[in-house]
Amino acid sequence: MRCEKLDVWKRSARISVEIYKHFASCKDFGFKDQITRSSLSVPSNIAEGMEKDSKKEQHRFLEIAKGSCAELITQIYIGIEIDYIEKQIGLSWKKEIKEILKMIVGLQLKLSSEY
């Protein structure tokens, strides 16, 4: 299954782009690096997993993507608290990431039923 056909991949890539743009001028390079890397990790691991031949390997990469979602939610929460992210924007991102998490779980369930 090609990642480009998956809504979960499209949505996770879109939020990664939003986060990169938001932090483009951020001078806190440590925080910027951490949050952009975790946002990039979600669609990247979905893509990598979908290219694997083994359903077990696909499932494993989706697990990694879920972990990156949890990391990203944590960093957004902290970003809001330290005034790097406007609360409304951060809450919108967190809501979208939670939806993405649900979609990843659904994809894992679909893959599990196939093996």
PDB file of N, CA and C in Angstrom:
ATOM      1  N   MET A   1       0.840  -1.180   0.000  1.00  0.00           N
ATOM      2  CA  MET A   1       0.000   0.000   0.000  1.00  0.00           C
ATOM      3  C   MET A   1       0.889   1.248   0.000  1.00  0.00           C
ATOM      4  N   ARG A   2       0.679   2.128  -0.947  1.00  0.00           N
ATOM      5  CA  ARG A   2       1.478   3.349  -1.075  1.00  0.00           C
ATOM      6  C   ARG A   2       1.044   4.366  -0.023  1.00  0.00           C
ATOM      7  N   CYS A   3       2.017   4.960   0.639  1.00  0.00           N
ATOM      8  CA  CYS A   3       1.712   5.923   1.696  1.00  0.00           C
ATOM      9  C   CYS A   3       0.929   7.123   1.179  1.00  0.00           C
ATOM     10  N   GLU A   4       1.201   7.538  -0.065  1.00  0.00           N
ATOM     11  CA  GLU A   4       0.554   8.721  -0.622  1.00  0.00           C
ATOM     12  C   GLU A   4      -0.959   8.568  -0.743  1.00  0.00           C
ATOM     13  N   LYS A   5      -1.434   7.346  -0.692  1.00  0.00           N
ATOM     14  CA  LYS A   5      -2.875   7.090  -0.782  1.00  0.00           C
ATOM     15  C   LYS A   5      -3.548   7.106   0.589  1.00  0.00           C
ATOM     16  N   LEU A   6      -2.769   7.136   1.652  1.00  0.00           N
ATOM     17  CA  LEU A   6      -3.311   7.058   3.004  1.00  0.00           C
ATOM     18  C   LEU A   6      -3.612   8.446   3.564  1.00  0.00           C
ATOM     19  N   ASP A   7      -4.851   8.643   4.009  1.00  0.00           N
ATOM     20  CA  ASP A   7      -5.220   9.919   4.626  1.00  0.00           C
ATOM     21  C   ASP A   7      -4.379  10.206   5.865  1.00  0.00           C
ATOM     22  N   VAL A   8      -4.044   9.172   6.609  1.00  0.00           N
ATOM     23  CA  VAL A   8      -3.248   9.374   7.825  1.00  0.00           C
ATOM     24  C   VAL A   8      -1.865   9.919   7.482  1.00  0.00           C
ATOM     25  N   TRP A   9      -1.302   9.459   6.389  1.00  0.00           N
ATOM     26  CA  TRP A   9       0.000   9.976   5.959  1.00  0.00           C
ATOM     27  C   TRP A   9      -0.130  11.424   5.502  1.00  0.00           C
ATOM     28  N   LYS A  10      -1.161  11.709   4.704  1.00  0.00           N
ATOM     29  CA  LYS A  10      -1.385  13.073   4.211  1.00  0.00           C
ATOM     30  C   LYS A  10      -1.570  14.053   5.361  1.00  0.00           C
ATOM     31  N   ARG A  11      -2.397  13.674   6.334  1.00  0.00           N
ATOM     32  CA  ARG A  11      -2.668  14.573   7.457  1.00  0.00           C
ATOM     33  C   ARG A  11      -1.433  14.769   8.331  1.00  0.00           C
ATOM     34  N   SER A  12      -0.683  13.705   8.554  1.00  0.00           N
ATOM     35  CA  SER A  12       0.518  13.841   9.390  1.00  0.00           C
ATOM     36  C   SER A  12       1.596  14.650   8.670  1.00  0.00           C
ATOM     37  N   ALA A  13       1.700  14.508   7.356  1.00  0.00           N
ATOM     38  CA  ALA A  13       2.658  15.317   6.596  1.00  0.00           C
ATOM     39  C   ALA A  13       2.247  16.789   6.629  1.00  0.00           C
ATOM     40  N   ARG A  14       0.956  17.042   6.531  1.00  0.00           N
ATOM     41  CA  ARG A  14       0.446  18.417   6.547  1.00  0.00           C
ATOM     42  C   ARG A  14       0.748  19.107   7.872  1.00  0.00           C
ATOM     43  N   ILE A  15       0.560  18.397   8.974  1.00  0.00           N
ATOM     44  CA  ILE A  15       0.823  19.028  10.272  1.00  0.00           C
ATOM     45  C   ILE A  15       2.316  19.233  10.478  1.00  0.00           C
ATOM     46  N   SER A  16       3.129  18.354   9.925  1.00  0.00           N
ATOM     47  CA  SER A  16       4.574  18.541  10.002  1.00  0.00           C
ATOM     48  C   SER A  16       4.979  19.817   9.270  1.00  0.00           C
ATOM     49  N   VAL A  17       4.400  20.045   8.108  1.00  0.00           N
ATOM     50  CA  VAL A  17       4.677  21.271   7.345  1.00  0.00           C
ATOM     51  C   VAL A  17       4.272  22.499   8.160  1.00  0.00           C
ATOM     52  N   GLU A  18       3.097  22.447   8.781  1.00  0.00           N
ATOM     53  CA  GLU A  18       2.628  23.573   9.606  1.00  0.00           C
ATOM     54  C   GLU A  18       3.609  23.871  10.738  1.00  0.00           C
ATOM     55  N   ILE A  19       4.087  22.824  11.390  1.00  0.00           N
ATOM     56  CA  ILE A  19       5.010  22.992  12.511  1.00  0.00           C
ATOM     57  C   ILE A  19       6.342  23.558  12.025  1.00  0.00           C
ATOM     58  N   TYR A  20       6.844  23.042  10.919  1.00  0.00           N
ATOM     59  CA  TYR A  20       8.090  23.587  10.358  1.00  0.00           C
ATOM     60  C   TYR A  20       7.945  25.073  10.050  1.00  0.00           C
ATOM     61  N   LYS A  21       6.844  25.455   9.429  1.00  0.00           N
ATOM     62  CA  LYS A  21       6.624  26.863   9.090  1.00  0.00           C
ATOM     63  C   LYS A  21       6.495  27.719  10.345  1.00  0.00           C
ATOM     64  N   HIS A  22       5.794  27.208  11.346  1.00  0.00           N
ATOM     65  CA  HIS A  22       5.592  27.954  12.588  1.00  0.00           C
ATOM     66  C   HIS A  22       6.924  28.261  13.282  1.00  0.00           C
ATOM     67  N   PHE A  23       7.819  27.293  13.253  1.00  0.00           N
ATOM     68  CA  PHE A  23       9.089  27.443  13.979  1.00  0.00           C
ATOM     69  C   PHE A  23      10.254  27.894  13.090  1.00  0.00           C
ATOM     70  N   ALA A  24       9.971  28.312  11.874  1.00  0.00           N
ATOM     71  CA  ALA A  24      11.028  28.704  10.931  1.00  0.00           C
ATOM     72  C   ALA A  24      11.956  29.773  11.504  1.00  0.00           C
ATOM     73  N   SER A  25      11.425  30.716  12.246  1.00  0.00           N
ATOM     74  CA  SER A  25      12.264  31.807  12.770  1.00  0.00           C
ATOM     75  C   SER A  25      12.573  31.656  14.259  1.00  0.00           C
ATOM     76  N   CYS A  26      12.242  30.507  14.835  1.00  0.00           N
ATOM     77  CA  CYS A  26      12.501  30.279  16.264  1.00  0.00           C
ATOM     78  C   CYS A  26      14.005  30.211  16.522  1.00  0.00           C
ATOM     79  N   LYS A  27      14.455  30.941  17.531  1.00  0.00           N
ATOM     80  CA  LYS A  27      15.891  30.981  17.867  1.00  0.00           C
ATOM     81  C   LYS A  27      16.297  29.910  18.883  1.00  0.00           C
ATOM     82  N   ASP A  28      15.305  29.266  19.504  1.00  0.00           N
ATOM     83  CA  ASP A  28      15.604  28.181  20.441  1.00  0.00           C
ATOM     84  C   ASP A  28      15.787  26.914  19.607  1.00  0.00           C
ATOM     85  N   PHE A  29      17.032  26.720  19.150  1.00  0.00           N
ATOM     86  CA  PHE A  29      17.310  25.649  18.204  1.00  0.00           C
ATOM     87  C   PHE A  29      17.094  24.263  18.796  1.00  0.00           C
ATOM     88  N   GLY A  30      17.288  24.105  20.087  1.00  0.00           N
ATOM     89  CA  GLY A  30      17.057  22.808  20.731  1.00  0.00           C
ATOM     90  C   GLY A  30      15.590  22.422  20.669  1.00  0.00           C
ATOM     91  N   PHE A  31      14.722  23.340  21.067  1.00  0.00           N
ATOM     92  CA  PHE A  31      13.287  23.067  21.046  1.00  0.00           C
ATOM     93  C   PHE A  31      12.798  22.909  19.608  1.00  0.00           C
ATOM     94  N   LYS A  32      13.231  23.814  18.750  1.00  0.00           N
ATOM     95  CA  LYS A  32      12.832  23.786  17.342  1.00  0.00           C
ATOM     96  C   LYS A  32      13.214  22.447  16.710  1.00  0.00           C
ATOM     97  N   ASP A  33      14.432  21.995  16.962  1.00  0.00           N
ATOM     98  CA  ASP A  33      14.907  20.735  16.407  1.00  0.00           C
ATOM     99  C   ASP A  33      14.064  19.570  16.912  1.00  0.00           C
ATOM    100  N   GLN A  34      13.774  19.565  18.204  1.00  0.00           N
ATOM    101  CA  GLN A  34      13.032  18.469  18.821  1.00  0.00           C
ATOM    102  C   GLN A  34      11.612  18.359  18.264  1.00  0.00           C
ATOM    103  N   ILE A  35      10.910  19.486  18.204  1.00  0.00           N
ATOM    104  CA  ILE A  35       9.504  19.443  17.776  1.00  0.00           C
ATOM    105  C   ILE A  35       9.385  19.198  16.268  1.00  0.00           C
ATOM    106  N   THR A  36      10.297  19.749  15.491  1.00  0.00           N
ATOM    107  CA  THR A  36      10.214  19.506  14.043  1.00  0.00           C
ATOM    108  C   THR A  36      10.600  18.066  13.714  1.00  0.00           C
ATOM    109  N   ARG A  37      11.575  17.526  14.436  1.00  0.00           N
ATOM    110  CA  ARG A  37      11.978  16.145  14.184  1.00  0.00           C
ATOM    111  C   ARG A  37      10.869  15.154  14.549  1.00  0.00           C
ATOM    112  N   SER A  38      10.204  15.382  15.675  1.00  0.00           N
ATOM    113  CA  SER A  38       9.127  14.455  16.035  1.00  0.00           C
ATOM    114  C   SER A  38       7.953  14.583  15.064  1.00  0.00           C
ATOM    115  N   SER A  39       7.678  15.817  14.608  1.00  0.00           N
ATOM    116  CA  SER A  39       6.584  15.979  13.634  1.00  0.00           C
ATOM    117  C   SER A  39       6.929  15.303  12.310  1.00  0.00           C
ATOM    118  N   LEU A  40       8.168  15.371  11.898  1.00  0.00           N
ATOM    119  CA  LEU A  40       8.619  14.745  10.659  1.00  0.00           C
ATOM    120  C   LEU A  40       8.649  13.218  10.773  1.00  0.00           C
ATOM    121  N   SER A  41       8.885  12.735  11.971  1.00  0.00           N
ATOM    122  CA  SER A  41       8.981  11.302  12.208  1.00  0.00           C
ATOM    123  C   SER A  41       7.659  10.567  11.982  1.00  0.00           C
ATOM    124  N   VAL A  42       6.543  11.245  12.246  1.00  0.00           N
ATOM    125  CA  VAL A  42       5.240  10.571  12.112  1.00  0.00           C
ATOM    126  C   VAL A  42       4.989  10.144  10.657  1.00  0.00           C
ATOM    127  N   PRO A  43       4.920  11.077   9.698  1.00  0.00           N
ATOM    128  CA  PRO A  43       4.668  10.623   8.326  1.00  0.00           C
ATOM    129  C   PRO A  43       5.827   9.804   7.746  1.00  0.00           C
ATOM    130  N   SER A  44       7.045  10.078   8.195  1.00  0.00           N
ATOM    131  CA  SER A  44       8.197   9.328   7.680  1.00  0.00           C
ATOM    132  C   SER A  44       8.119   7.860   8.061  1.00  0.00           C
ATOM    133  N   ASN A  45       7.738   7.575   9.305  1.00  0.00           N
ATOM    134  CA  ASN A  45       7.632   6.178   9.738  1.00  0.00           C
ATOM    135  C   ASN A  45       6.424   5.484   9.133  1.00  0.00           C
ATOM    136  N   ILE A  46       5.345   6.220   8.917  1.00  0.00           N
ATOM    137  CA  ILE A  46       4.205   5.631   8.211  1.00  0.00           C
ATOM    138  C   ILE A  46       4.654   5.235   6.804  1.00  0.00           C
ATOM    139  N   ALA A  47       5.347   6.146   6.122  1.00  0.00           N
ATOM    140  CA  ALA A  47       5.816   5.878   4.759  1.00  0.00           C
ATOM    141  C   ALA A  47       6.773   4.689   4.728  1.00  0.00           C
ATOM    142  N   GLU A  48       7.735   4.687   5.624  1.00  0.00           N
ATOM    143  CA  GLU A  48       8.712   3.601   5.639  1.00  0.00           C
ATOM    144  C   GLU A  48       8.039   2.263   5.918  1.00  0.00           C
ATOM    145  N   GLY A  49       7.131   2.255   6.863  1.00  0.00           N
ATOM    146  CA  GLY A  49       6.427   1.020   7.197  1.00  0.00           C
ATOM    147  C   GLY A  49       5.606   0.467   6.046  1.00  0.00           C
ATOM    148  N   MET A  50       4.943   1.346   5.328  1.00  0.00           N
ATOM    149  CA  MET A  50       4.083   0.895   4.235  1.00  0.00           C
ATOM    150  C   MET A  50       4.877   0.299   3.075  1.00  0.00           C
ATOM    151  N   GLU A  51       6.168   0.606   3.012  1.00  0.00           N
ATOM    152  CA  GLU A  51       7.011   0.039   1.963  1.00  0.00           C
ATOM    153  C   GLU A  51       7.581  -1.328   2.340  1.00  0.00           C
ATOM    154  N   LYS A  52       7.408  -1.742   3.574  1.00  0.00           N
ATOM    155  CA  LYS A  52       7.909  -3.048   4.008  1.00  0.00           C
ATOM    156  C   LYS A  52       6.993  -4.155   3.487  1.00  0.00           C
ATOM    157  N   ASP A  53       7.583  -5.282   3.174  1.00  0.00           N
ATOM    158  CA  ASP A  53       6.803  -6.412   2.671  1.00  0.00           C
ATOM    159  C   ASP A  53       6.065  -7.146   3.783  1.00  0.00           C
ATOM    160  N   SER A  54       6.651  -7.155   4.950  1.00  0.00           N
ATOM    161  CA  SER A  54       6.089  -7.892   6.078  1.00  0.00           C
ATOM    162  C   SER A  54       5.057  -7.044   6.835  1.00  0.00           C
ATOM    163  N   LYS A  55       3.893  -7.621   7.097  1.00  0.00           N
ATOM    164  CA  LYS A  55       2.856  -6.936   7.883  1.00  0.00           C
ATOM    165  C   LYS A  55       3.378  -6.641   9.295  1.00  0.00           C
ATOM    166  N   LYS A  56       4.191  -7.546   9.810  1.00  0.00           N
ATOM    167  CA  LYS A  56       4.776  -7.352  11.139  1.00  0.00           C
ATOM    168  C   LYS A  56       5.684  -6.128  11.157  1.00  0.00           C
ATOM    169  N   GLU A  57       6.489  -5.955  10.103  1.00  0.00           N
ATOM    170  CA  GLU A  57       7.364  -4.782   9.980  1.00  0.00           C
ATOM    171  C   GLU A  57       6.542  -3.513   9.816  1.00  0.00           C
ATOM    172  N   GLN A  58       5.481  -3.579   9.017  1.00  0.00           N
ATOM    173  CA  GLN A  58       4.602  -2.427   8.850  1.00  0.00           C
ATOM    174  C   GLN A  58       4.035  -2.001  10.199  1.00  0.00           C
ATOM    175  N   HIS A  59       3.578  -2.977  10.947  1.00  0.00           N
ATOM    176  CA  HIS A  59       3.016  -2.722  12.276  1.00  0.00           C
ATOM    177  C   HIS A  59       4.053  -2.061  13.192  1.00  0.00           C
ATOM    178  N   ARG A  60       5.279  -2.541  13.126  1.00  0.00           N
ATOM    179  CA  ARG A  60       6.353  -2.000  13.971  1.00  0.00           C
ATOM    180  C   ARG A  60       6.611  -0.532  13.654  1.00  0.00           C
ATOM    181  N   PHE A  61       6.645  -0.170  12.383  1.00  0.00           N
ATOM    182  CA  PHE A  61       6.877   1.230  12.025  1.00  0.00           C
ATOM    183  C   PHE A  61       5.699   2.113  12.425  1.00  0.00           C
ATOM    184  N   LEU A  62       4.496   1.556  12.395  1.00  0.00           N
ATOM    185  CA  LEU A  62       3.339   2.318  12.864  1.00  0.00           C
ATOM    186  C   LEU A  62       3.425   2.538  14.377  1.00  0.00           C
ATOM    187  N   GLU A  63       3.994   1.579  15.086  1.00  0.00           N
ATOM    188  CA  GLU A  63       4.229   1.758  16.533  1.00  0.00           C
ATOM    189  C   GLU A  63       5.193   2.919  16.773  1.00  0.00           C
ATOM    190  N   ILE A  64       6.217   2.994  15.963  1.00  0.00           N
ATOM    191  CA  ILE A  64       7.181   4.094  16.084  1.00  0.00           C
ATOM    192  C   ILE A  64       6.489   5.425  15.799  1.00  0.00           C
ATOM    193  N   ALA A  65       5.624   5.453  14.784  1.00  0.00           N
ATOM    194  CA  ALA A  65       4.875   6.672  14.455  1.00  0.00           C
ATOM    195  C   ALA A  65       3.985   7.083  15.628  1.00  0.00           C
ATOM    196  N   LYS A  66       3.375   6.113  16.294  1.00  0.00           N
ATOM    197  CA  LYS A  66       2.549   6.421  17.472  1.00  0.00           C
ATOM    198  C   LYS A  66       3.393   7.040  18.582  1.00  0.00           C
ATOM    199  N   GLY A  67       4.574   6.508  18.783  1.00  0.00           N
ATOM    200  CA  GLY A  67       5.475   7.074  19.788  1.00  0.00           C
ATOM    201  C   GLY A  67       5.851   8.499  19.448  1.00  0.00           C
ATOM    202  N   SER A  68       6.075   8.771  18.178  1.00  0.00           N
ATOM    203  CA  SER A  68       6.394  10.127  17.743  1.00  0.00           C
ATOM    204  C   SER A  68       5.211  11.068  17.950  1.00  0.00           C
ATOM    205  N   CYS A  69       4.008  10.564  17.777  1.00  0.00           N
ATOM    206  CA  CYS A  69       2.807  11.369  18.063  1.00  0.00           C
ATOM    207  C   CYS A  69       2.775  11.759  19.535  1.00  0.00           C
ATOM    208  N   ALA A  70       3.066  10.802  20.404  1.00  0.00           N
ATOM    209  CA  ALA A  70       3.073  11.086  21.844  1.00  0.00           C
ATOM    210  C   ALA A  70       4.148  12.118  22.185  1.00  0.00           C
ATOM    211  N   GLU A  71       5.308  11.988  21.571  1.00  0.00           N
ATOM    212  CA  GLU A  71       6.383  12.970  21.747  1.00  0.00           C
ATOM    213  C   GLU A  71       5.930  14.356  21.306  1.00  0.00           C
ATOM    214  N   LEU A  72       5.293  14.402  20.152  1.00  0.00           N
ATOM    215  CA  LEU A  72       4.854  15.670  19.587  1.00  0.00           C
ATOM    216  C   LEU A  72       3.793  16.334  20.464  1.00  0.00           C
ATOM    217  N   ILE A  73       2.861  15.564  20.983  1.00  0.00           N
ATOM    218  CA  ILE A  73       1.848  16.114  21.885  1.00  0.00           C
ATOM    219  C   ILE A  73       2.518  16.715  23.116  1.00  0.00           C
ATOM    220  N   THR A  74       3.504  16.027  23.657  1.00  0.00           N
ATOM    221  CA  THR A  74       4.246  16.525  24.818  1.00  0.00           C
ATOM    222  C   THR A  74       4.939  17.842  24.497  1.00  0.00           C
ATOM    223  N   GLN A  75       5.596  17.901  23.360  1.00  0.00           N
ATOM    224  CA  GLN A  75       6.323  19.112  22.980  1.00  0.00           C
ATOM    225  C   GLN A  75       5.376  20.272  22.704  1.00  0.00           C
ATOM    226  N   ILE A  76       4.216  19.984  22.143  1.00  0.00           N
ATOM    227  CA  ILE A  76       3.222  21.043  21.920  1.00  0.00           C
ATOM    228  C   ILE A  76       2.730  21.574  23.260  1.00  0.00           C
ATOM    229  N   TYR A  77       2.453  20.672  24.179  1.00  0.00           N
ATOM    230  CA  TYR A  77       2.012  21.091  25.515  1.00  0.00           C
ATOM    231  C   TYR A  77       3.057  22.016  26.144  1.00  0.00           C
ATOM    232  N   ILE A  78       4.295  21.618  26.097  1.00  0.00           N
ATOM    233  CA  ILE A  78       5.370  22.433  26.669  1.00  0.00           C
ATOM    234  C   ILE A  78       5.500  23.744  25.904  1.00  0.00           C
ATOM    235  N   GLY A  79       5.409  23.689  24.572  1.00  0.00           N
ATOM    236  CA  GLY A  79       5.490  24.890  23.751  1.00  0.00           C
ATOM    237  C   GLY A  79       4.412  25.906  24.102  1.00  0.00           C
ATOM    238  N   ILE A  80       3.229  25.425  24.414  1.00  0.00           N
ATOM    239  CA  ILE A  80       2.141  26.318  24.837  1.00  0.00           C
ATOM    240  C   ILE A  80       2.504  26.949  26.184  1.00  0.00           C
ATOM    241  N   GLU A  81       2.972  26.134  27.100  1.00  0.00           N
ATOM    242  CA  GLU A  81       3.276  26.611  28.459  1.00  0.00           C
ATOM    243  C   GLU A  81       4.422  27.627  28.483  1.00  0.00           C
ATOM    244  N   ILE A  82       5.352  27.518  27.565  1.00  0.00           N
ATOM    245  CA  ILE A  82       6.486  28.453  27.553  1.00  0.00           C
ATOM    246  C   ILE A  82       6.299  29.569  26.512  1.00  0.00           C
ATOM    247  N   ASP A  83       5.068  29.675  26.017  1.00  0.00           N
ATOM    248  CA  ASP A  83       4.682  30.742  25.076  1.00  0.00           C
ATOM    249  C   ASP A  83       5.402  30.705  23.732  1.00  0.00           C
ATOM    250  N   TYR A  84       5.766  29.517  23.275  1.00  0.00           N
ATOM    251  CA  TYR A  84       6.315  29.366  21.932  1.00  0.00           C
ATOM    252  C   TYR A  84       5.195  29.109  20.929  1.00  0.00           C
ATOM    253  N   ILE A  85       4.076  28.599  21.453  1.00  0.00           N
ATOM    254  CA  ILE A  85       2.935  28.254  20.607  1.00  0.00           C
ATOM    255  C   ILE A  85       1.695  28.912  21.202  1.00  0.00           C
ATOM    256  N   GLU A  86       0.985  29.649  20.363  1.00  0.00           N
ATOM    257  CA  GLU A  86      -0.274  30.243  20.801  1.00  0.00           C
ATOM    258  C   GLU A  86      -1.222  29.104  21.199  1.00  0.00           C
ATOM    259  N   LYS A  87      -1.907  29.288  22.317  1.00  0.00           N
ATOM    260  CA  LYS A  87      -2.726  28.215  22.880  1.00  0.00           C
ATOM    261  C   LYS A  87      -3.708  27.635  21.862  1.00  0.00           C
ATOM    262  N   GLN A  88      -4.398  28.488  21.124  1.00  0.00           N
ATOM    263  CA  GLN A  88      -5.399  28.016  20.165  1.00  0.00           C
ATOM    264  C   GLN A  88      -4.773  27.151  19.072  1.00  0.00           C
ATOM    265  N   ILE A  89      -3.617  27.565  18.593  1.00  0.00           N
ATOM    266  CA  ILE A  89      -2.906  26.793  17.564  1.00  0.00           C
ATOM    267  C   ILE A  89      -2.465  25.445  18.135  1.00  0.00           C
ATOM    268  N   GLY A  90      -1.880  25.478  19.323  1.00  0.00           N
ATOM    269  CA  GLY A  90      -1.414  24.247  19.960  1.00  0.00           C
ATOM    270  C   GLY A  90      -2.535  23.260  20.212  1.00  0.00           C
ATOM    271  N   LEU A  91      -3.668  23.763  20.688  1.00  0.00           N
ATOM    272  CA  LEU A  91      -4.812  22.875  20.943  1.00  0.00           C
ATOM    273  C   LEU A  91      -5.330  22.273  19.641  1.00  0.00           C
ATOM    274  N   SER A  92      -5.310  23.058  18.580  1.00  0.00           N
ATOM    275  CA  SER A  92      -5.722  22.553  17.272  1.00  0.00           C
ATOM    276  C   SER A  92      -4.771  21.459  16.800  1.00  0.00           C
ATOM    277  N   TRP A  93      -3.459  21.674  16.966  1.00  0.00           N
ATOM    278  CA  TRP A  93      -2.476  20.660  16.591  1.00  0.00           C
ATOM    279  C   TRP A  93      -2.659  19.392  17.407  1.00  0.00           C
ATOM    280  N   LYS A  94      -2.834  19.555  18.719  1.00  0.00           N
ATOM    281  CA  LYS A  94      -3.006  18.377  19.584  1.00  0.00           C
ATOM    282  C   LYS A  94      -4.238  17.573  19.175  1.00  0.00           C
ATOM    283  N   LYS A  95      -5.316  18.263  18.854  1.00  0.00           N
ATOM    284  CA  LYS A  95      -6.541  17.583  18.422  1.00  0.00           C
ATOM    285  C   LYS A  95      -6.285  16.783  17.146  1.00  0.00           C
ATOM    286  N   GLU A  96      -5.594  17.394  16.192  1.00  0.00           N
ATOM    287  CA  GLU A  96      -5.289  16.711  14.933  1.00  0.00           C
ATOM    288  C   GLU A  96      -4.379  15.508  15.166  1.00  0.00           C
ATOM    289  N   ILE A  97      -3.405  15.655  16.025  1.00  0.00           N
ATOM    290  CA  ILE A  97      -2.487  14.542  16.298  1.00  0.00           C
ATOM    291  C   ILE A  97      -3.220  13.385  16.977  1.00  0.00           C
ATOM    292  N   LYS A  98      -4.149  13.706  17.854  1.00  0.00           N
ATOM    293  CA  LYS A  98      -4.939  12.641  18.493  1.00  0.00           C
ATOM    294  C   LYS A  98      -5.785  11.905  17.454  1.00  0.00           C
ATOM    295  N   GLU A  99      -6.301  12.627  16.467  1.00  0.00           N
ATOM    296  CA  GLU A  99      -7.034  11.989  15.365  1.00  0.00           C
ATOM    297  C   GLU A  99      -6.094  11.108  14.540  1.00  0.00           C
ATOM    298  N   ILE A 100      -4.905  11.605  14.297  1.00  0.00           N
ATOM    299  CA  ILE A 100      -3.904  10.835  13.548  1.00  0.00           C
ATOM    300  C   ILE A 100      -3.562   9.554  14.304  1.00  0.00           C
ATOM    301  N   LEU A 101      -3.420   9.657  15.612  1.00  0.00           N
ATOM    302  CA  LEU A 101      -3.158   8.466  16.445  1.00  0.00           C
ATOM    303  C   LEU A 101      -4.258   7.421  16.260  1.00  0.00           C
ATOM    304  N   LYS A 102      -5.502   7.872  16.283  1.00  0.00           N
ATOM    305  CA  LYS A 102      -6.632   6.947  16.092  1.00  0.00           C
ATOM    306  C   LYS A 102      -6.564   6.296  14.718  1.00  0.00           C
ATOM    307  N   MET A 103      -6.190   7.075  13.721  1.00  0.00           N
ATOM    308  CA  MET A 103      -6.082   6.536  12.369  1.00  0.00           C
ATOM    309  C   MET A 103      -4.958   5.504  12.274  1.00  0.00           C
ATOM    310  N   ILE A 104      -3.851   5.758  12.959  1.00  0.00           N
ATOM    311  CA  ILE A 104      -2.740   4.793  12.956  1.00  0.00           C
ATOM    312  C   ILE A 104      -3.193   3.486  13.602  1.00  0.00           C
ATOM    313  N   VAL A 105      -3.895   3.590  14.716  1.00  0.00           N
ATOM    314  CA  VAL A 105      -4.403   2.383  15.391  1.00  0.00           C
ATOM    315  C   VAL A 105      -5.343   1.623  14.458  1.00  0.00           C
ATOM    316  N   GLY A 106      -6.213   2.345  13.758  1.00  0.00           N
ATOM    317  CA  GLY A 106      -7.110   1.704  12.800  1.00  0.00           C
ATOM    318  C   GLY A 106      -6.350   0.990  11.693  1.00  0.00           C
ATOM    319  N   LEU A 107      -5.302   1.610  11.203  1.00  0.00           N
ATOM    320  CA  LEU A 107      -4.471   0.991  10.173  1.00  0.00           C
ATOM    321  C   LEU A 107      -3.785  -0.256  10.725  1.00  0.00           C
ATOM    322  N   GLN A 108      -3.324  -0.191  11.959  1.00  0.00           N
ATOM    323  CA  GLN A 108      -2.694  -1.366  12.577  1.00  0.00           C
ATOM    324  C   GLN A 108      -3.696  -2.518  12.693  1.00  0.00           C
ATOM    325  N   LEU A 109      -4.920  -2.190  13.081  1.00  0.00           N
ATOM    326  CA  LEU A 109      -5.948  -3.225  13.203  1.00  0.00           C
ATOM    327  C   LEU A 109      -6.225  -3.865  11.839  1.00  0.00           C
ATOM    328  N   LYS A 110      -6.284  -3.035  10.817  1.00  0.00           N
ATOM    329  CA  LYS A 110      -6.503  -3.550   9.453  1.00  0.00           C
ATOM    330  C   LYS A 110      -5.363  -4.487   9.052  1.00  0.00           C
ATOM    331  N   LEU A 111      -4.130  -4.050   9.327  1.00  0.00           N
ATOM    332  CA  LEU A 111      -2.969  -4.890   8.980  1.00  0.00           C
ATOM    333  C   LEU A 111      -2.973  -6.194   9.787  1.00  0.00           C
ATOM    334  N   SER A 112      -3.334  -6.100  11.063  1.00  0.00           N
ATOM    335  CA  SER A 112      -3.363  -7.296  11.922  1.00  0.00           C
ATOM    336  C   SER A 112      -4.367  -8.327  11.421  1.00  0.00           C
ATOM    337  N   SER A 113      -5.471  -7.851  10.879  1.00  0.00           N
ATOM    338  CA  SER A 113      -6.487  -8.785  10.363  1.00  0.00           C
ATOM    339  C   SER A 113      -6.018  -9.486   9.088  1.00  0.00           C
ATOM    340  N   GLU A 114      -4.965  -8.942   8.478  1.00  0.00           N
ATOM    341  CA  GLU A 114      -4.461  -9.516   7.226  1.00  0.00           C
ATOM    342  C   GLU A 114      -3.350 -10.543   7.449  1.00  0.00           C
ATOM    343  N   TYR A 115      -2.865 -10.677   8.711  1.00  0.00           N
ATOM    344  CA  TYR A 115      -1.819 -11.688   8.929  1.00  0.00           C
ATOM    345  C   TYR A 115      -2.076 -12.549  10.103  1.00  0.00           C
TER     346      TYR A 115
END
